[in-house]
Protein backbone atom coordinates (compact mmCIF):
# COMPACT_ATOMS: atom_id res chain seq x y z
CA UNK A 1 116.61 100.77 34.59
CA UNK A 2 113.07 100.37 35.83
CA UNK A 3 110.70 103.05 36.86
CA UNK A 4 111.50 102.56 40.48
CA UNK A 5 115.35 102.73 40.05
CA UNK A 6 114.72 105.81 37.68
CA UNK A 7 113.20 107.76 40.28
CA UNK A 8 115.69 106.87 42.79
CA UNK A 9 118.35 108.22 40.49
CA UNK A 10 116.48 111.56 39.97
CA UNK A 11 116.03 112.12 43.84
CA UNK A 12 119.75 111.27 44.38
CA UNK A 13 120.56 113.80 41.78
CA UNK A 14 118.63 116.45 43.73
CA UNK A 15 120.63 115.73 46.79
CA UNK A 16 123.82 117.76 47.98
CA UNK A 17 125.46 117.65 51.28
CA UNK A 18 122.85 115.27 52.83
CA UNK A 19 119.90 117.31 52.15
CA UNK A 20 117.25 116.44 49.51
CA UNK A 21 117.10 119.54 47.56
CA UNK A 22 113.46 119.65 46.78
CA UNK A 23 111.90 123.14 47.48
CA UNK A 24 108.32 123.47 48.78
CA UNK A 25 107.70 126.05 45.86
CA UNK A 26 110.23 127.42 43.62
CA UNK A 27 111.06 129.01 40.31
CA UNK A 28 114.04 127.62 38.28
CA UNK A 29 116.88 130.22 38.78
CA UNK A 30 119.94 128.17 38.10
CA UNK A 31 119.47 125.93 34.98
CA UNK A 32 120.85 122.28 34.96
CA UNK A 33 123.77 121.36 32.75
CA UNK A 34 127.44 121.96 32.59
CA UNK A 35 128.95 124.67 34.92
CA UNK A 36 132.30 125.42 36.46
CA UNK A 37 132.20 122.19 38.69
CA UNK A 38 133.88 119.28 37.04
CA UNK A 39 133.51 115.65 38.03
CA UNK A 40 135.42 115.16 41.21
CA UNK A 41 137.69 112.37 40.01
CA UNK A 42 139.22 110.57 42.80
CA UNK A 43 136.90 111.84 45.46
CA UNK A 44 136.72 108.32 47.06
CA UNK A 45 140.56 108.50 47.72
CA UNK A 46 139.97 111.36 50.21
CA UNK A 47 138.62 111.46 53.74
CA UNK A 48 135.23 109.61 54.33
CA UNK A 49 134.02 111.65 57.02
CA UNK A 50 130.37 110.47 57.22
CA UNK A 51 127.79 107.91 56.13
CA UNK A 52 124.29 108.12 56.36
CA UNK A 53 121.08 105.71 55.94
CA UNK A 54 118.31 107.45 54.41
CA UNK A 55 115.01 105.77 55.59
CA UNK A 56 112.85 107.87 53.54
CA UNK A 57 114.25 107.03 50.31
CA UNK A 58 116.12 103.90 51.13
CA UNK A 59 119.51 105.09 50.17
CA UNK A 60 122.97 104.74 51.60
CA UNK A 61 125.10 107.97 51.38
CA UNK A 62 128.97 108.85 51.72
CA UNK A 63 130.39 112.05 52.36
CA UNK A 64 133.78 112.83 50.89
CA UNK A 65 136.41 115.60 51.11
CA UNK A 66 139.98 116.40 51.46
CA UNK A 67 141.98 116.30 54.80
CA UNK A 68 142.52 119.98 54.78
CA UNK A 69 138.80 120.69 54.78
CA UNK A 70 138.21 118.28 57.53
CA UNK A 71 141.27 119.88 59.28
CA UNK A 72 139.89 123.33 58.95
CA UNK A 73 136.27 122.27 60.23
CA UNK A 74 137.63 120.72 63.35
CA UNK A 75 139.71 123.78 64.01
CA UNK A 76 136.75 126.06 63.80
CA UNK A 77 138.46 127.89 60.63
CA UNK A 78 136.64 128.82 57.46
CA UNK A 79 136.27 126.36 54.78
CA UNK A 80 139.31 126.96 52.53
CA UNK A 81 139.07 128.08 49.02
CA UNK A 82 138.97 125.48 46.30
CA UNK A 83 137.34 123.03 48.91
CA UNK A 84 135.09 120.31 47.25
CA UNK A 85 132.63 118.29 49.33
CA UNK A 86 131.34 115.22 47.44
CA UNK A 87 128.07 113.10 48.42
CA UNK A 88 127.79 109.61 46.74
CA UNK A 89 124.36 108.34 46.84
CA UNK A 90 123.75 104.45 46.65
CA UNK A 91 120.67 102.51 46.52
CA UNK A 92 120.33 100.28 49.57
CA UNK A 93 119.80 96.72 49.12
CA UNK A 94 116.50 95.44 49.71
CA UNK A 95 114.87 92.33 50.81
CA UNK A 96 111.99 90.53 49.00
CA UNK A 97 109.48 93.04 50.80
CA UNK A 98 111.32 96.09 49.66
CA UNK A 99 112.80 96.75 53.10
CA UNK A 100 116.56 97.73 53.53
CA UNK A 101 118.98 94.98 54.44
CA UNK A 102 121.26 95.72 57.21
CA UNK A 103 124.88 94.49 58.06
CA UNK A 104 126.09 93.30 61.37
CA UNK A 105 126.23 97.11 62.77
CA UNK A 106 122.62 97.61 61.82
CA UNK A 107 123.54 99.81 59.04
CA UNK A 108 122.03 99.88 55.61
CA UNK A 109 123.98 97.83 52.90
CA UNK A 110 124.92 99.78 49.79
CA UNK A 111 124.11 98.49 46.30
CA UNK A 112 124.13 100.47 42.98
CA UNK A 113 125.84 103.93 42.75
CA UNK A 114 123.05 106.28 41.84
CA UNK A 115 124.68 109.81 41.87
CA UNK A 116 127.85 111.74 42.68
CA UNK A 117 126.92 115.42 43.62
CA UNK A 118 129.84 117.69 44.53
CA UNK A 119 129.78 121.20 45.90
CA UNK A 120 132.82 123.56 45.46
CA UNK A 121 133.83 126.72 47.36
CA UNK A 122 135.69 128.97 44.94
CA UNK A 123 136.14 132.66 44.74
CA UNK A 124 134.19 134.12 41.83
CA UNK A 125 132.69 130.79 40.99
CA UNK A 126 129.17 131.78 42.03
CA UNK A 127 129.29 135.33 40.48
CA UNK A 128 126.68 134.35 38.06
CA UNK A 129 124.34 132.80 40.74
CA UNK A 130 121.18 135.12 41.29
CA UNK A 131 121.88 137.01 44.58
CA UNK A 132 118.60 136.01 46.19
CA UNK A 133 119.83 132.43 46.30
CA UNK A 134 123.48 132.64 46.17
CA UNK A 135 125.55 130.54 48.79
CA UNK A 136 128.63 132.64 49.30
CA UNK A 137 131.26 131.16 46.82
CA UNK A 138 129.78 127.64 46.76
CA UNK A 139 128.32 125.95 43.60
CA UNK A 140 126.69 122.63 43.02
CA UNK A 141 126.73 120.11 40.44
CA UNK A 142 125.24 116.52 39.97
CA UNK A 143 126.73 113.56 37.90
CA UNK A 144 125.31 110.16 36.97
CA UNK A 145 127.19 107.15 37.88
CA UNK A 146 129.14 107.16 34.68
CA UNK A 147 130.54 110.71 35.32
CA UNK A 148 128.04 112.61 32.98
CA UNK A 149 126.58 115.83 34.20
CA UNK A 150 122.84 115.06 35.09
CA UNK A 151 120.70 117.57 33.12
CA UNK A 152 117.62 116.86 35.20
CA UNK A 153 119.32 117.90 38.32
CA UNK A 154 117.54 120.37 40.48
CA UNK A 155 120.33 122.89 41.19
CA UNK A 156 118.02 125.76 42.22
CA UNK A 157 116.82 123.63 44.94
CA UNK A 158 120.49 122.98 46.18
CA UNK A 159 121.15 126.76 46.76
CA UNK A 160 117.56 127.15 48.26
CA UNK A 161 118.02 124.43 50.84
CA UNK A 162 121.66 125.59 51.88
CA UNK A 163 120.61 129.23 52.04
CA UNK A 164 119.44 129.37 55.58
CA UNK A 165 122.77 128.15 56.86
CA UNK A 166 124.96 131.17 56.15
CA UNK A 167 126.24 130.97 59.77
CA UNK A 168 127.81 127.45 58.98
CA UNK A 169 129.49 128.54 55.70
CA UNK A 170 126.30 127.13 53.83
CA UNK A 171 126.84 123.71 55.11
CA UNK A 172 123.88 121.56 56.49
CA UNK A 173 126.22 118.85 57.78
CA UNK A 174 129.10 121.22 59.26
CA UNK A 175 128.74 119.10 62.60
CA UNK A 176 129.59 115.87 61.06
CA UNK A 177 132.49 117.32 59.17
CA UNK A 178 133.86 118.89 62.29
CA UNK A 179 133.43 115.54 64.18
CA UNK A 180 130.99 117.23 66.51
CA UNK A 181 127.64 115.61 65.59
CA UNK A 182 126.13 114.05 68.70
CA UNK A 183 125.45 110.63 67.35
CA UNK A 184 125.30 108.99 70.85
CA UNK A 185 123.11 111.54 72.07
CA UNK A 186 120.26 110.38 74.52
CA UNK A 187 116.88 111.18 73.08
CA UNK A 188 114.23 112.44 75.50
CA UNK A 189 110.86 110.79 75.76
CA UNK A 190 108.16 112.46 73.90
CA UNK A 191 105.21 114.17 76.10
CA UNK A 192 102.06 116.25 75.15
CA UNK A 193 102.40 118.19 72.04
CA UNK A 194 105.53 116.63 71.22
CA UNK A 195 106.61 115.08 67.97
CA UNK A 196 109.23 112.44 67.76
CA UNK A 197 111.53 112.14 64.64
CA UNK A 198 112.44 108.55 64.15
CA UNK A 199 113.67 106.99 60.86
CA UNK A 200 112.91 110.14 59.00
CA UNK A 201 109.03 110.09 60.08
CA UNK A 202 107.31 112.35 62.17
CA UNK A 203 105.42 110.75 64.93
CA UNK A 204 102.64 111.61 65.22
CA UNK A 205 102.28 112.88 61.78
CA UNK A 206 99.07 115.00 62.82
CA UNK A 207 98.78 116.88 66.14
CA UNK A 208 95.88 118.92 67.57
CA UNK A 209 96.42 121.95 69.82
CA UNK A 210 94.75 124.99 70.87
CA UNK A 211 95.65 128.45 69.53
CA UNK A 212 98.68 129.90 71.89
CA UNK A 213 99.83 126.45 72.33
CA UNK A 214 103.40 125.07 71.10
CA UNK A 215 104.71 122.08 69.57
CA UNK A 216 108.11 120.45 70.32
CA UNK A 217 109.75 118.47 67.80
CA UNK A 218 112.41 116.11 69.23
CA UNK A 219 114.99 114.56 66.80
CA UNK A 220 116.23 110.98 67.21
CA UNK A 221 117.74 110.55 63.67
CA UNK A 222 121.53 110.44 63.20
CA UNK A 223 120.91 113.40 60.61
CA UNK A 224 120.07 117.18 61.05
CA UNK A 225 116.41 118.05 60.77
CA UNK A 226 114.71 121.42 60.65
CA UNK A 227 110.95 122.38 60.76
CA UNK A 228 109.33 124.42 58.05
CA UNK A 229 105.84 125.61 57.95
CA UNK A 230 104.32 125.56 54.48
CA UNK A 231 102.20 128.64 53.76
CA UNK A 232 98.73 128.52 52.06
CA UNK A 233 100.62 129.80 48.89
CA UNK A 234 102.93 126.81 49.07
CA UNK A 235 106.01 128.87 49.82
CA UNK A 236 107.97 128.14 53.12
CA UNK A 237 107.14 130.21 56.13
CA UNK A 238 108.17 130.03 59.83
CA UNK A 239 111.27 127.67 60.51
CA UNK A 240 112.73 126.44 63.39
CA UNK A 241 116.28 126.10 64.69
CA UNK A 242 118.44 123.14 63.07
CA UNK A 243 118.08 120.13 65.28
CA UNK A 244 120.99 117.51 65.68
CA UNK A 245 120.37 114.26 67.21
CA UNK A 246 118.65 114.46 70.73
CA UNK A 247 118.01 118.24 70.32
CA UNK A 248 114.57 119.54 70.01
CA UNK A 249 112.98 122.78 68.62
CA UNK A 250 109.80 124.31 69.48
CA UNK A 251 107.19 126.71 67.45
CA UNK A 252 104.04 128.37 69.14
CA UNK A 253 101.00 128.84 66.94
CA UNK A 254 98.67 131.70 67.70
CA UNK A 255 96.10 131.66 65.12
CA UNK A 256 93.42 128.77 64.61
CA UNK A 257 93.72 126.83 61.30
CA UNK A 258 95.23 123.91 59.83
CA UNK A 259 99.11 123.92 59.47
CA UNK A 260 101.04 121.89 57.15
CA UNK A 261 104.78 121.54 57.58
CA UNK A 262 107.79 119.64 56.35
CA UNK A 263 111.45 119.07 57.36
CA UNK A 264 113.26 121.84 55.66
CA UNK A 265 116.13 119.80 54.79
CA UNK A 266 114.03 116.74 53.62
CA UNK A 267 110.56 117.77 52.37
CA UNK A 268 109.40 114.34 51.84
CA UNK A 269 108.96 114.11 55.56
CA UNK A 270 105.59 115.80 56.14
CA UNK A 271 103.31 116.54 59.06
CA UNK A 272 100.19 118.61 60.01
CA UNK A 273 98.89 120.55 62.88
CA UNK A 274 95.25 121.48 63.58
CA UNK A 275 95.06 124.61 65.76
CA UNK A 276 91.61 125.01 67.40
CA UNK A 277 90.38 128.43 68.51
CA UNK A 278 90.49 129.17 72.00
């Protein structure tokens, strides 16, 4: 496997539930390696409830679970104990210029399997996870395509990225699991101080405002996004609400300075805001 493919495999190994689990600044609190979550054999015999084209890392992803988990989500009930949700990450097929090839429906064409990343909800399974990042009863694991535990997986980041979603049972993709994600939503045109999110890119990537003004982000992707301001110490600061397709989020900036931000779910997406004094 070449350097490019190896990097893709590592990135896939750090992704659970549709989120690229890379924290802005973090301490390793959950060491990689074998844990209570075994390889989910036969995961692809369950329900394929969502697929996703990842423009930022040129991956195609599938999301699998069991029928009882989907039923609970659609009925608005808690995800049942024993639930396993699995993300299968594939490299997208690329053309000679390194751009993803698309099928007749305009979707990425999957190529080689990169990683199998399950998350499991089981009472007591997370008792040894530090309380500061514990996601209820959920635990995470990442496996290589041959079913071996990936000892380079960033499991700490999995917990940190899912932590803000306690109200959704720590699931970043609950809307897709429940069949309520607005994939056909109309996306409003961007106006002054607006940033469009399209194909996993902030546009414009740099915005200039005056202290006291706000910036609005409009999500045009078939994936949730969330704005997270990065502090001077590299740690996450102010966060927006989760945005599904067609939804927007607004943050006000009162102090002059240069602001860096990322998508809290996909930190490879970056932008800046220059806030001028009044």
